[in-house]
């Protein structure tokens, strides 16, 4: 039982580090790389064997979400390579990366609009 706790603690630490590094990698690309959209890494979930990282991104304005997600997915190999260079000392294997759109900002905006009515 204790092994699961240690494993999940390791997963959380690795996920936090991946989130920090990927946010920096995306920030360094600049908004011009994403058609002027603001892209932020809102969360990372990593598999128990640390081989797959699901990276959740928030995109503002949401109208540009499809274009930005397409660009991220097109460049996933290059982004994984940059992540590997940034985290090479901490991880033996750089996890596969899968990007997901975090639509919680859209939800908050929608609720805000409903409250204003």
PDB file of N, CA and C in Angstrom:
ATOM      1  N   UNK A   1       0.826  -1.201   0.000  1.00  0.00           N
ATOM      2  CA  UNK A   1       0.000   0.000   0.000  1.00  0.00           C
ATOM      3  C   UNK A   1       0.866   1.259   0.000  1.00  0.00           C
ATOM      4  N   UNK A   2       1.936   1.224   0.755  1.00  0.00           N
ATOM      5  CA  UNK A   2       2.796   2.391   0.857  1.00  0.00           C
ATOM      6  C   UNK A   2       3.457   2.715  -0.485  1.00  0.00           C
ATOM      7  N   UNK A   3       3.735   1.690  -1.282  1.00  0.00           N
ATOM      8  CA  UNK A   3       4.349   1.886  -2.588  1.00  0.00           C
ATOM      9  C   UNK A   3       3.482   2.765  -3.496  1.00  0.00           C
ATOM     10  N   UNK A   4       2.156   2.578  -3.448  1.00  0.00           N
ATOM     11  CA  UNK A   4       1.261   3.398  -4.256  1.00  0.00           C
ATOM     12  C   UNK A   4       1.354   4.865  -3.890  1.00  0.00           C
ATOM     13  N   UNK A   5       1.473   5.159  -2.604  1.00  0.00           N
ATOM     14  CA  UNK A   5       1.588   6.533  -2.154  1.00  0.00           C
ATOM     15  C   UNK A   5       2.874   7.159  -2.674  1.00  0.00           C
ATOM     16  N   UNK A   6       3.976   6.425  -2.552  1.00  0.00           N
ATOM     17  CA  UNK A   6       5.258   6.933  -3.044  1.00  0.00           C
ATOM     18  C   UNK A   6       5.203   7.139  -4.549  1.00  0.00           C
ATOM     19  N   UNK A   7       4.585   6.199  -5.239  1.00  0.00           N
ATOM     20  CA  UNK A   7       4.474   6.300  -6.688  1.00  0.00           C
ATOM     21  C   UNK A   7       3.647   7.514  -7.085  1.00  0.00           C
ATOM     22  N   UNK A   8       2.530   7.731  -6.414  1.00  0.00           N
ATOM     23  CA  UNK A   8       1.697   8.872  -6.775  1.00  0.00           C
ATOM     24  C   UNK A   8       2.388  10.185  -6.412  1.00  0.00           C
ATOM     25  N   UNK A   9       3.164  10.198  -5.350  1.00  0.00           N
ATOM     26  CA  UNK A   9       3.934  11.388  -4.991  1.00  0.00           C
ATOM     27  C   UNK A   9       4.956  11.676  -6.077  1.00  0.00           C
ATOM     28  N   UNK A  10       5.610  10.631  -6.566  1.00  0.00           N
ATOM     29  CA  UNK A  10       6.578  10.802  -7.660  1.00  0.00           C
ATOM     30  C   UNK A  10       5.869  11.311  -8.914  1.00  0.00           C
ATOM     31  N   UNK A  11       4.714  10.746  -9.224  1.00  0.00           N
ATOM     32  CA  UNK A  11       3.946  11.201 -10.383  1.00  0.00           C
ATOM     33  C   UNK A  11       3.616  12.685 -10.262  1.00  0.00           C
ATOM     34  N   UNK A  12       3.174  13.101  -9.084  1.00  0.00           N
ATOM     35  CA  UNK A  12       2.817  14.507  -8.876  1.00  0.00           C
ATOM     36  C   UNK A  12       4.025  15.418  -9.048  1.00  0.00           C
ATOM     37  N   UNK A  13       5.169  15.003  -8.506  1.00  0.00           N
ATOM     38  CA  UNK A  13       6.385  15.817  -8.630  1.00  0.00           C
ATOM     39  C   UNK A  13       6.821  15.936 -10.082  1.00  0.00           C
ATOM     40  N   UNK A  14       6.808  14.812 -10.802  1.00  0.00           N
ATOM     41  CA  UNK A  14       7.212  14.825 -12.209  1.00  0.00           C
ATOM     42  C   UNK A  14       6.223  15.663 -13.015  1.00  0.00           C
ATOM     43  N   UNK A  15       4.926  15.505 -12.744  1.00  0.00           N
ATOM     44  CA  UNK A  15       3.904  16.270 -13.466  1.00  0.00           C
ATOM     45  C   UNK A  15       4.086  17.766 -13.243  1.00  0.00           C
ATOM     46  N   UNK A  16       4.358  18.167 -12.006  1.00  0.00           N
ATOM     47  CA  UNK A  16       4.588  19.594 -11.699  1.00  0.00           C
ATOM     48  C   UNK A  16       5.800  20.127 -12.455  1.00  0.00           C
ATOM     49  N   UNK A  17       6.866  19.338 -12.494  1.00  0.00           N
ATOM     50  CA  UNK A  17       8.082  19.758 -13.188  1.00  0.00           C
ATOM     51  C   UNK A  17       7.843  19.857 -14.696  1.00  0.00           C
ATOM     52  N   UNK A  18       7.122  18.898 -15.258  1.00  0.00           N
ATOM     53  CA  UNK A  18       6.793  18.945 -16.688  1.00  0.00           C
ATOM     54  C   UNK A  18       5.935  20.172 -16.979  1.00  0.00           C
ATOM     55  N   UNK A  19       4.972  20.458 -16.100  1.00  0.00           N
ATOM     56  CA  UNK A  19       4.113  21.623 -16.289  1.00  0.00           C
ATOM     57  C   UNK A  19       4.954  22.902 -16.307  1.00  0.00           C
ATOM     58  N   UNK A  20       5.869  23.015 -15.363  1.00  0.00           N
ATOM     59  CA  UNK A  20       6.719  24.206 -15.268  1.00  0.00           C
ATOM     60  C   UNK A  20       7.590  24.344 -16.518  1.00  0.00           C
ATOM     61  N   UNK A  21       8.231  23.258 -16.918  1.00  0.00           N
ATOM     62  CA  UNK A  21       9.131  23.302 -18.073  1.00  0.00           C
ATOM     63  C   UNK A  21       8.374  23.556 -19.380  1.00  0.00           C
ATOM     64  N   UNK A  22       7.230  22.888 -19.561  1.00  0.00           N
ATOM     65  CA  UNK A  22       6.473  23.070 -20.802  1.00  0.00           C
ATOM     66  C   UNK A  22       5.907  24.490 -20.874  1.00  0.00           C
ATOM     67  N   UNK A  23       5.490  25.041 -19.745  1.00  0.00           N
ATOM     68  CA  UNK A  23       5.007  26.427 -19.729  1.00  0.00           C
ATOM     69  C   UNK A  23       6.123  27.369 -20.185  1.00  0.00           C
ATOM     70  N   UNK A  24       7.326  27.116 -19.727  1.00  0.00           N
ATOM     71  CA  UNK A  24       8.472  27.945 -20.112  1.00  0.00           C
ATOM     72  C   UNK A  24       8.789  27.775 -21.599  1.00  0.00           C
ATOM     73  N   UNK A  25       8.736  26.554 -22.101  1.00  0.00           N
ATOM     74  CA  UNK A  25       8.999  26.289 -23.520  1.00  0.00           C
ATOM     75  C   UNK A  25       7.974  27.023 -24.387  1.00  0.00           C
ATOM     76  N   UNK A  26       6.706  26.928 -24.027  1.00  0.00           N
ATOM     77  CA  UNK A  26       5.647  27.587 -24.801  1.00  0.00           C
ATOM     78  C   UNK A  26       5.788  29.101 -24.699  1.00  0.00           C
ATOM     79  N   UNK A  27       6.081  29.607 -23.496  1.00  0.00           N
ATOM     80  CA  UNK A  27       6.259  31.046 -23.308  1.00  0.00           C
ATOM     81  C   UNK A  27       7.402  31.570 -24.166  1.00  0.00           C
ATOM     82  N   UNK A  28       8.474  30.781 -24.252  1.00  0.00           N
ATOM     83  CA  UNK A  28       9.644  31.223 -25.020  1.00  0.00           C
ATOM     84  C   UNK A  28       9.353  31.325 -26.515  1.00  0.00           C
ATOM     85  N   UNK A  29       8.342  30.617 -27.001  1.00  0.00           N
ATOM     86  CA  UNK A  29       7.959  30.681 -28.414  1.00  0.00           C
ATOM     87  C   UNK A  29       7.314  32.023 -28.745  1.00  0.00           C
ATOM     88  N   UNK A  30       6.697  32.640 -27.749  1.00  0.00           N
ATOM     89  CA  UNK A  30       6.038  33.922 -27.947  1.00  0.00           C
ATOM     90  C   UNK A  30       4.637  33.771 -28.508  1.00  0.00           C
ATOM     91  N   UNK A  31       3.850  34.816 -28.340  1.00  0.00           N
ATOM     92  CA  UNK A  31       2.460  34.785 -28.795  1.00  0.00           C
ATOM     93  C   UNK A  31       2.373  34.749 -30.318  1.00  0.00           C
ATOM     94  N   UNK A  32       3.372  35.279 -31.006  1.00  0.00           N
ATOM     95  CA  UNK A  32       3.346  35.294 -32.473  1.00  0.00           C
ATOM     96  C   UNK A  32       3.304  33.871 -33.029  1.00  0.00           C
ATOM     97  N   UNK A  33       3.937  32.940 -32.328  1.00  0.00           N
ATOM     98  CA  UNK A  33       3.948  31.546 -32.783  1.00  0.00           C
ATOM     99  C   UNK A  33       2.555  30.925 -32.722  1.00  0.00           C
ATOM    100  N   UNK A  34       1.680  31.525 -31.962  1.00  0.00           N
ATOM    101  CA  UNK A  34       0.320  30.984 -31.791  1.00  0.00           C
ATOM    102  C   UNK A  34      -0.733  31.997 -32.248  1.00  0.00           C
ATOM    103  N   UNK A  35      -0.450  32.718 -33.310  1.00  0.00           N
ATOM    104  CA  UNK A  35      -1.387  33.696 -33.890  1.00  0.00           C
ATOM    105  C   UNK A  35      -1.862  34.728 -32.878  1.00  0.00           C
ATOM    106  N   UNK A  36      -1.009  35.122 -31.964  1.00  0.00           N
ATOM    107  CA  UNK A  36      -1.367  36.136 -30.988  1.00  0.00           C
ATOM    108  C   UNK A  36      -2.186  35.627 -29.819  1.00  0.00           C
ATOM    109  N   UNK A  37      -2.403  34.320 -29.753  1.00  0.00           N
ATOM    110  CA  UNK A  37      -3.180  33.757 -28.634  1.00  0.00           C
ATOM    111  C   UNK A  37      -2.275  33.584 -27.417  1.00  0.00           C
ATOM    112  N   UNK A  38      -2.869  33.715 -26.265  1.00  0.00           N
ATOM    113  CA  UNK A  38      -2.171  33.474 -25.009  1.00  0.00           C
ATOM    114  C   UNK A  38      -2.368  31.999 -24.646  1.00  0.00           C
ATOM    115  N   UNK A  39      -1.279  31.268 -24.530  1.00  0.00           N
ATOM    116  CA  UNK A  39      -1.337  29.832 -24.253  1.00  0.00           C
ATOM    117  C   UNK A  39      -0.700  29.577 -22.896  1.00  0.00           C
ATOM    118  N   UNK A  40      -1.432  28.918 -22.016  1.00  0.00           N
ATOM    119  CA  UNK A  40      -0.862  28.583 -20.713  1.00  0.00           C
ATOM    120  C   UNK A  40      -1.105  27.105 -20.412  1.00  0.00           C
ATOM    121  N   UNK A  41      -0.147  26.512 -19.720  1.00  0.00           N
ATOM    122  CA  UNK A  41      -0.253  25.104 -19.337  1.00  0.00           C
ATOM    123  C   UNK A  41      -0.996  25.061 -18.008  1.00  0.00           C
ATOM    124  N   UNK A  42      -2.222  24.545 -18.035  1.00  0.00           N
ATOM    125  CA  UNK A  42      -3.046  24.582 -16.831  1.00  0.00           C
ATOM    126  C   UNK A  42      -2.907  23.329 -15.974  1.00  0.00           C
ATOM    127  N   UNK A  43      -2.353  22.254 -16.549  1.00  0.00           N
ATOM    128  CA  UNK A  43      -2.183  21.053 -15.750  1.00  0.00           C
ATOM    129  C   UNK A  43      -1.511  19.954 -16.535  1.00  0.00           C
ATOM    130  N   UNK A  44      -0.956  19.004 -15.798  1.00  0.00           N
ATOM    131  CA  UNK A  44      -0.320  17.839 -16.406  1.00  0.00           C
ATOM    132  C   UNK A  44      -0.706  16.615 -15.594  1.00  0.00           C
ATOM    133  N   UNK A  45      -1.115  15.569 -16.288  1.00  0.00           N
ATOM    134  CA  UNK A  45      -1.356  14.272 -15.643  1.00  0.00           C
ATOM    135  C   UNK A  45      -0.388  13.300 -16.282  1.00  0.00           C
ATOM    136  N   UNK A  46       0.286  12.503 -15.463  1.00  0.00           N
ATOM    137  CA  UNK A  46       1.276  11.575 -15.998  1.00  0.00           C
ATOM    138  C   UNK A  46       0.908  10.154 -15.612  1.00  0.00           C
ATOM    139  N   UNK A  47       1.151   9.224 -16.521  1.00  0.00           N
ATOM    140  CA  UNK A  47       0.805   7.819 -16.268  1.00  0.00           C
ATOM    141  C   UNK A  47       1.685   7.267 -15.148  1.00  0.00           C
ATOM    142  N   UNK A  48       1.246   6.173 -14.546  1.00  0.00           N
ATOM    143  CA  UNK A  48       1.962   5.615 -13.391  1.00  0.00           C
ATOM    144  C   UNK A  48       3.372   5.169 -13.739  1.00  0.00           C
ATOM    145  N   UNK A  49       3.604   4.796 -15.012  1.00  0.00           N
ATOM    146  CA  UNK A  49       4.964   4.399 -15.399  1.00  0.00           C
ATOM    147  C   UNK A  49       5.766   5.578 -15.969  1.00  0.00           C
ATOM    148  N   UNK A  50       5.212   6.774 -15.895  1.00  0.00           N
ATOM    149  CA  UNK A  50       5.849   8.021 -16.342  1.00  0.00           C
ATOM    150  C   UNK A  50       6.140   8.041 -17.845  1.00  0.00           C
ATOM    151  N   UNK A  51       5.402   7.248 -18.620  1.00  0.00           N
ATOM    152  CA  UNK A  51       5.684   7.165 -20.053  1.00  0.00           C
ATOM    153  C   UNK A  51       4.792   8.068 -20.905  1.00  0.00           C
ATOM    154  N   UNK A  52       3.669   8.529 -20.352  1.00  0.00           N
ATOM    155  CA  UNK A  52       2.747   9.377 -21.099  1.00  0.00           C
ATOM    156  C   UNK A  52       2.342  10.565 -20.233  1.00  0.00           C
ATOM    157  N   UNK A  53       2.499  11.764 -20.794  1.00  0.00           N
ATOM    158  CA  UNK A  53       2.082  12.981 -20.095  1.00  0.00           C
ATOM    159  C   UNK A  53       0.941  13.624 -20.872  1.00  0.00           C
ATOM    160  N   UNK A  54      -0.187  13.819 -20.199  1.00  0.00           N
ATOM    161  CA  UNK A  54      -1.311  14.540 -20.784  1.00  0.00           C
ATOM    162  C   UNK A  54      -1.165  15.990 -20.327  1.00  0.00           C
ATOM    163  N   UNK A  55      -0.962  16.876 -21.288  1.00  0.00           N
ATOM    164  CA  UNK A  55      -0.728  18.279 -20.975  1.00  0.00           C
ATOM    165  C   UNK A  55      -1.971  19.070 -21.354  1.00  0.00           C
ATOM    166  N   UNK A  56      -2.546  19.746 -20.375  1.00  0.00           N
ATOM    167  CA  UNK A  56      -3.756  20.530 -20.575  1.00  0.00           C
ATOM    168  C   UNK A  56      -3.374  21.989 -20.753  1.00  0.00           C
ATOM    169  N   UNK A  57      -3.861  22.596 -21.847  1.00  0.00           N
ATOM    170  CA  UNK A  57      -3.538  23.987 -22.122  1.00  0.00           C
ATOM    171  C   UNK A  57      -4.810  24.823 -22.185  1.00  0.00           C
ATOM    172  N   UNK A  58      -4.704  26.050 -21.668  1.00  0.00           N
ATOM    173  CA  UNK A  58      -5.768  27.038 -21.786  1.00  0.00           C
ATOM    174  C   UNK A  58      -5.346  28.024 -22.862  1.00  0.00           C
ATOM    175  N   UNK A  59      -6.293  28.406 -23.694  1.00  0.00           N
ATOM    176  CA  UNK A  59      -5.991  29.292 -24.812  1.00  0.00           C
ATOM    177  C   UNK A  59      -6.958  30.468 -24.773  1.00  0.00           C
ATOM    178  N   UNK A  60      -6.387  31.668 -24.835  1.00  0.00           N
ATOM    179  CA  UNK A  60      -7.208  32.891 -24.850  1.00  0.00           C
ATOM    180  C   UNK A  60      -6.763  33.750 -26.012  1.00  0.00           C
ATOM    181  N   UNK A  61      -7.625  34.229 -26.842  1.00  0.00           N
ATOM    182  CA  UNK A  61      -9.070  34.003 -26.838  1.00  0.00           C
ATOM    183  C   UNK A  61      -9.415  32.594 -27.345  1.00  0.00           C
ATOM    184  N   UNK A  62     -10.523  32.081 -26.861  1.00  0.00           N
ATOM    185  CA  UNK A  62     -10.900  30.702 -27.182  1.00  0.00           C
ATOM    186  C   UNK A  62     -11.221  30.516 -28.662  1.00  0.00           C
ATOM    187  N   UNK A  63     -11.483  31.597 -29.382  1.00  0.00           N
ATOM    188  CA  UNK A  63     -11.758  31.492 -30.817  1.00  0.00           C
ATOM    189  C   UNK A  63     -10.549  30.951 -31.577  1.00  0.00           C
ATOM    190  N   UNK A  64      -9.360  31.112 -31.014  1.00  0.00           N
ATOM    191  CA  UNK A  64      -8.141  30.638 -31.672  1.00  0.00           C
ATOM    192  C   UNK A  64      -7.721  29.243 -31.198  1.00  0.00           C
ATOM    193  N   UNK A  65      -8.546  28.616 -30.386  1.00  0.00           N
ATOM    194  CA  UNK A  65      -8.183  27.333 -29.776  1.00  0.00           C
ATOM    195  C   UNK A  65      -7.881  26.249 -30.810  1.00  0.00           C
ATOM    196  N   UNK A  66      -8.712  26.114 -31.829  1.00  0.00           N
ATOM    197  CA  UNK A  66      -8.493  25.059 -32.830  1.00  0.00           C
ATOM    198  C   UNK A  66      -7.163  25.233 -33.548  1.00  0.00           C
ATOM    199  N   UNK A  67      -6.867  26.464 -33.948  1.00  0.00           N
ATOM    200  CA  UNK A  67      -5.616  26.740 -34.658  1.00  0.00           C
ATOM    201  C   UNK A  67      -4.409  26.457 -33.767  1.00  0.00           C
ATOM    202  N   UNK A  68      -4.490  26.884 -32.512  1.00  0.00           N
ATOM    203  CA  UNK A  68      -3.366  26.698 -31.587  1.00  0.00           C
ATOM    204  C   UNK A  68      -3.183  25.211 -31.273  1.00  0.00           C
ATOM    205  N   UNK A  69      -4.265  24.500 -31.036  1.00  0.00           N
ATOM    206  CA  UNK A  69      -4.161  23.065 -30.752  1.00  0.00           C
ATOM    207  C   UNK A  69      -3.550  22.339 -31.946  1.00  0.00           C
ATOM    208  N   UNK A  70      -3.934  22.730 -33.145  1.00  0.00           N
ATOM    209  CA  UNK A  70      -3.360  22.143 -34.348  1.00  0.00           C
ATOM    210  C   UNK A  70      -1.855  22.380 -34.414  1.00  0.00           C
ATOM    211  N   UNK A  71      -1.448  23.601 -34.090  1.00  0.00           N
ATOM    212  CA  UNK A  71      -0.023  23.932 -34.123  1.00  0.00           C
ATOM    213  C   UNK A  71       0.742  23.146 -33.064  1.00  0.00           C
ATOM    214  N   UNK A  72       0.171  23.006 -31.866  1.00  0.00           N
ATOM    215  CA  UNK A  72       0.835  22.227 -30.809  1.00  0.00           C
ATOM    216  C   UNK A  72       0.990  20.772 -31.231  1.00  0.00           C
ATOM    217  N   UNK A  73      -0.067  20.211 -31.794  1.00  0.00           N
ATOM    218  CA  UNK A  73      -0.026  18.800 -32.198  1.00  0.00           C
ATOM    219  C   UNK A  73       0.941  18.575 -33.362  1.00  0.00           C
ATOM    220  N   UNK A  74       1.027  19.545 -34.277  1.00  0.00           N
ATOM    221  CA  UNK A  74       1.984  19.446 -35.388  1.00  0.00           C
ATOM    222  C   UNK A  74       3.428  19.424 -34.881  1.00  0.00           C
ATOM    223  N   UNK A  75       3.668  20.162 -33.807  1.00  0.00           N
ATOM    224  CA  UNK A  75       5.031  20.332 -33.293  1.00  0.00           C
ATOM    225  C   UNK A  75       5.331  19.503 -32.053  1.00  0.00           C
ATOM    226  N   UNK A  76       4.521  18.463 -31.803  1.00  0.00           N
ATOM    227  CA  UNK A  76       4.660  17.696 -30.568  1.00  0.00           C
ATOM    228  C   UNK A  76       6.044  17.038 -30.452  1.00  0.00           C
ATOM    229  N   UNK A  77       6.610  16.587 -31.558  1.00  0.00           N
ATOM    230  CA  UNK A  77       7.940  15.944 -31.487  1.00  0.00           C
ATOM    231  C   UNK A  77       9.017  16.950 -31.094  1.00  0.00           C
ATOM    232  N   UNK A  78       8.965  18.137 -31.687  1.00  0.00           N
ATOM    233  CA  UNK A  78       9.944  19.176 -31.353  1.00  0.00           C
ATOM    234  C   UNK A  78       9.783  19.623 -29.902  1.00  0.00           C
ATOM    235  N   UNK A  79       8.538  19.772 -29.462  1.00  0.00           N
ATOM    236  CA  UNK A  79       8.285  20.188 -28.077  1.00  0.00           C
ATOM    237  C   UNK A  79       8.765  19.117 -27.095  1.00  0.00           C
ATOM    238  N   UNK A  80       8.558  17.852 -27.449  1.00  0.00           N
ATOM    239  CA  UNK A  80       9.030  16.751 -26.599  1.00  0.00           C
ATOM    240  C   UNK A  80      10.563  16.775 -26.533  1.00  0.00           C
ATOM    241  N   UNK A  81      11.192  17.069 -27.662  1.00  0.00           N
ATOM    242  CA  UNK A  81      12.650  17.171 -27.685  1.00  0.00           C
ATOM    243  C   UNK A  81      13.161  18.276 -26.774  1.00  0.00           C
ATOM    244  N   UNK A  82      12.492  19.432 -26.824  1.00  0.00           N
ATOM    245  CA  UNK A  82      12.884  20.542 -25.944  1.00  0.00           C
ATOM    246  C   UNK A  82      12.667  20.176 -24.477  1.00  0.00           C
ATOM    247  N   UNK A  83      11.562  19.479 -24.210  1.00  0.00           N
ATOM    248  CA  UNK A  83      11.291  19.031 -22.845  1.00  0.00           C
ATOM    249  C   UNK A  83      12.386  18.077 -22.378  1.00  0.00           C
ATOM    250  N   UNK A  84      12.800  17.190 -23.276  1.00  0.00           N
ATOM    251  CA  UNK A  84      13.875  16.244 -22.964  1.00  0.00           C
ATOM    252  C   UNK A  84      15.177  16.945 -22.632  1.00  0.00           C
ATOM    253  N   UNK A  85      15.506  17.991 -23.407  1.00  0.00           N
ATOM    254  CA  UNK A  85      16.730  18.744 -23.115  1.00  0.00           C
ATOM    255  C   UNK A  85      16.622  19.473 -21.781  1.00  0.00           C
ATOM    256  N   UNK A  86      15.434  19.988 -21.474  1.00  0.00           N
ATOM    257  CA  UNK A  86      15.236  20.729 -20.229  1.00  0.00           C
ATOM    258  C   UNK A  86      15.224  19.813 -19.004  1.00  0.00           C
ATOM    259  N   UNK A  87      14.722  18.592 -19.180  1.00  0.00           N
ATOM    260  CA  UNK A  87      14.549  17.696 -18.038  1.00  0.00           C
ATOM    261  C   UNK A  87      15.419  16.455 -18.119  1.00  0.00           C
ATOM    262  N   UNK A  88      16.374  16.447 -19.019  1.00  0.00           N
ATOM    263  CA  UNK A  88      17.190  15.263 -19.254  1.00  0.00           C
ATOM    264  C   UNK A  88      17.844  14.685 -18.016  1.00  0.00           C
ATOM    265  N   UNK A  89      18.227  15.544 -17.092  1.00  0.00           N
ATOM    266  CA  UNK A  89      18.902  15.073 -15.884  1.00  0.00           C
ATOM    267  C   UNK A  89      17.933  14.423 -14.893  1.00  0.00           C
ATOM    268  N   UNK A  90      16.645  14.811 -14.965  1.00  0.00           N
ATOM    269  CA  UNK A  90      15.674  14.320 -13.984  1.00  0.00           C
ATOM    270  C   UNK A  90      14.947  13.045 -14.413  1.00  0.00           C
ATOM    271  N   UNK A  91      14.838  12.842 -15.726  1.00  0.00           N
ATOM    272  CA  UNK A  91      14.068  11.698 -16.213  1.00  0.00           C
ATOM    273  C   UNK A  91      14.923  10.812 -17.106  1.00  0.00           C
ATOM    274  N   UNK A  92      14.802   9.512 -16.921  1.00  0.00           N
ATOM    275  CA  UNK A  92      15.500   8.586 -17.815  1.00  0.00           C
ATOM    276  C   UNK A  92      14.855   8.591 -19.188  1.00  0.00           C
ATOM    277  N   UNK A  93      13.521   8.562 -19.200  1.00  0.00           N
ATOM    278  CA  UNK A  93      12.770   8.528 -20.449  1.00  0.00           C
ATOM    279  C   UNK A  93      11.846   9.739 -20.478  1.00  0.00           C
ATOM    280  N   UNK A  94      11.907  10.506 -21.555  1.00  0.00           N
ATOM    281  CA  UNK A  94      11.003  11.643 -21.709  1.00  0.00           C
ATOM    282  C   UNK A  94       9.648  11.078 -22.138  1.00  0.00           C
ATOM    283  N   UNK A  95       8.584  11.411 -21.398  1.00  0.00           N
ATOM    284  CA  UNK A  95       7.282  10.820 -21.721  1.00  0.00           C
ATOM    285  C   UNK A  95       6.732  11.286 -23.066  1.00  0.00           C
ATOM    286  N   UNK A  96       5.891  10.446 -23.651  1.00  0.00           N
ATOM    287  CA  UNK A  96       5.132  10.863 -24.825  1.00  0.00           C
ATOM    288  C   UNK A  96       4.220  12.003 -24.365  1.00  0.00           C
ATOM    289  N   UNK A  97       3.972  12.943 -25.246  1.00  0.00           N
ATOM    290  CA  UNK A  97       3.148  14.108 -24.888  1.00  0.00           C
ATOM    291  C   UNK A  97       1.858  14.082 -25.691  1.00  0.00           C
ATOM    292  N   UNK A  98       0.754  14.295 -24.991  1.00  0.00           N
ATOM    293  CA  UNK A  98      -0.542  14.439 -25.644  1.00  0.00           C
ATOM    294  C   UNK A  98      -1.148  15.738 -25.124  1.00  0.00           C
ATOM    295  N   UNK A  99      -1.493  16.640 -26.045  1.00  0.00           N
ATOM    296  CA  UNK A  99      -2.087  17.917 -25.644  1.00  0.00           C
ATOM    297  C   UNK A  99      -3.607  17.809 -25.619  1.00  0.00           C
ATOM    298  N   UNK A 100      -4.195  18.429 -24.586  1.00  0.00           N
ATOM    299  CA  UNK A 100      -5.645  18.517 -24.451  1.00  0.00           C
ATOM    300  C   UNK A 100      -6.013  19.965 -24.180  1.00  0.00           C
ATOM    301  N   UNK A 101      -7.148  20.366 -24.714  1.00  0.00           N
ATOM    302  CA  UNK A 101      -7.644  21.717 -24.479  1.00  0.00           C
ATOM    303  C   UNK A 101      -8.359  21.756 -23.133  1.00  0.00           C
ATOM    304  N   UNK A 102      -7.946  22.678 -22.291  1.00  0.00           N
ATOM    305  CA  UNK A 102      -8.617  22.887 -21.002  1.00  0.00           C
ATOM    306  C   UNK A 102      -9.658  23.976 -21.227  1.00  0.00           C
ATOM    307  N   UNK A 103     -10.906  23.584 -21.235  1.00  0.00           N
ATOM    308  CA  UNK A 103     -11.969  24.545 -21.537  1.00  0.00           C
ATOM    309  C   UNK A 103     -12.590  25.148 -20.275  1.00  0.00           C
ATOM    310  N   UNK A 104     -11.923  25.041 -19.153  1.00  0.00           N
ATOM    311  CA  UNK A 104     -12.489  25.589 -17.917  1.00  0.00           C
ATOM    312  C   UNK A 104     -12.625  27.112 -17.978  1.00  0.00           C
ATOM    313  N   UNK A 105     -11.738  27.797 -18.723  1.00  0.00           N
ATOM    314  CA  UNK A 105     -11.878  29.253 -18.873  1.00  0.00           C
ATOM    315  C   UNK A 105     -13.163  29.593 -19.615  1.00  0.00           C
ATOM    316  N   UNK A 106     -13.493  28.802 -20.643  1.00  0.00           N
ATOM    317  CA  UNK A 106     -14.741  29.014 -21.375  1.00  0.00           C
ATOM    318  C   UNK A 106     -15.935  28.834 -20.446  1.00  0.00           C
ATOM    319  N   UNK A 107     -15.838  27.837 -19.583  1.00  0.00           N
ATOM    320  CA  UNK A 107     -16.917  27.569 -18.640  1.00  0.00           C
ATOM    321  C   UNK A 107     -17.098  28.742 -17.677  1.00  0.00           C
ATOM    322  N   UNK A 108     -16.002  29.246 -17.157  1.00  0.00           N
ATOM    323  CA  UNK A 108     -16.053  30.392 -16.231  1.00  0.00           C
ATOM    324  C   UNK A 108     -16.651  31.603 -16.948  1.00  0.00           C
ATOM    325  N   UNK A 109     -16.227  31.833 -18.183  1.00  0.00           N
ATOM    326  CA  UNK A 109     -16.739  32.956 -18.969  1.00  0.00           C
ATOM    327  C   UNK A 109     -18.242  32.806 -19.204  1.00  0.00           C
ATOM    328  N   UNK A 110     -18.678  31.588 -19.506  1.00  0.00           N
ATOM    329  CA  UNK A 110     -20.093  31.321 -19.748  1.00  0.00           C
ATOM    330  C   UNK A 110     -20.920  31.585 -18.472  1.00  0.00           C
ATOM    331  N   UNK A 111     -20.440  31.098 -17.339  1.00  0.00           N
ATOM    332  CA  UNK A 111     -21.127  31.333 -16.067  1.00  0.00           C
ATOM    333  C   UNK A 111     -21.201  32.824 -15.759  1.00  0.00           C
ATOM    334  N   UNK A 112     -20.098  33.526 -16.024  1.00  0.00           N
ATOM    335  CA  UNK A 112     -20.049  34.975 -15.802  1.00  0.00           C
ATOM    336  C   UNK A 112     -21.116  35.693 -16.645  1.00  0.00           C
ATOM    337  N   UNK A 113     -21.236  35.282 -17.907  1.00  0.00           N
ATOM    338  CA  UNK A 113     -22.248  35.875 -18.784  1.00  0.00           C
ATOM    339  C   UNK A 113     -23.659  35.593 -18.282  1.00  0.00           C
ATOM    340  N   UNK A 114     -23.879  34.369 -17.804  1.00  0.00           N
ATOM    341  CA  UNK A 114     -25.213  34.024 -17.281  1.00  0.00           C
ATOM    342  C   UNK A 114     -25.543  34.835 -16.033  1.00  0.00           C
ATOM    343  N   UNK A 115     -24.552  35.088 -15.198  1.00  0.00           N
ATOM    344  CA  UNK A 115     -24.785  35.846 -13.977  1.00  0.00           C
ATOM    345  C   UNK A 115     -25.086  37.319 -14.264  1.00  0.00           C
ATOM    346  N   UNK A 116     -24.583  37.830 -15.367  1.00  0.00           N
ATOM    347  CA  UNK A 116     -24.801  39.225 -15.721  1.00  0.00           C
ATOM    348  C   UNK A 116     -26.209  39.496 -16.259  1.00  0.00           C
ATOM    349  N   UNK A 117     -26.887  38.431 -16.696  1.00  0.00           N
ATOM    350  CA  UNK A 117     -28.237  38.597 -17.286  1.00  0.00           C
ATOM    351  C   UNK A 117     -29.274  38.905 -16.243  1.00  0.00           C
TER     352      UNK A 117
END
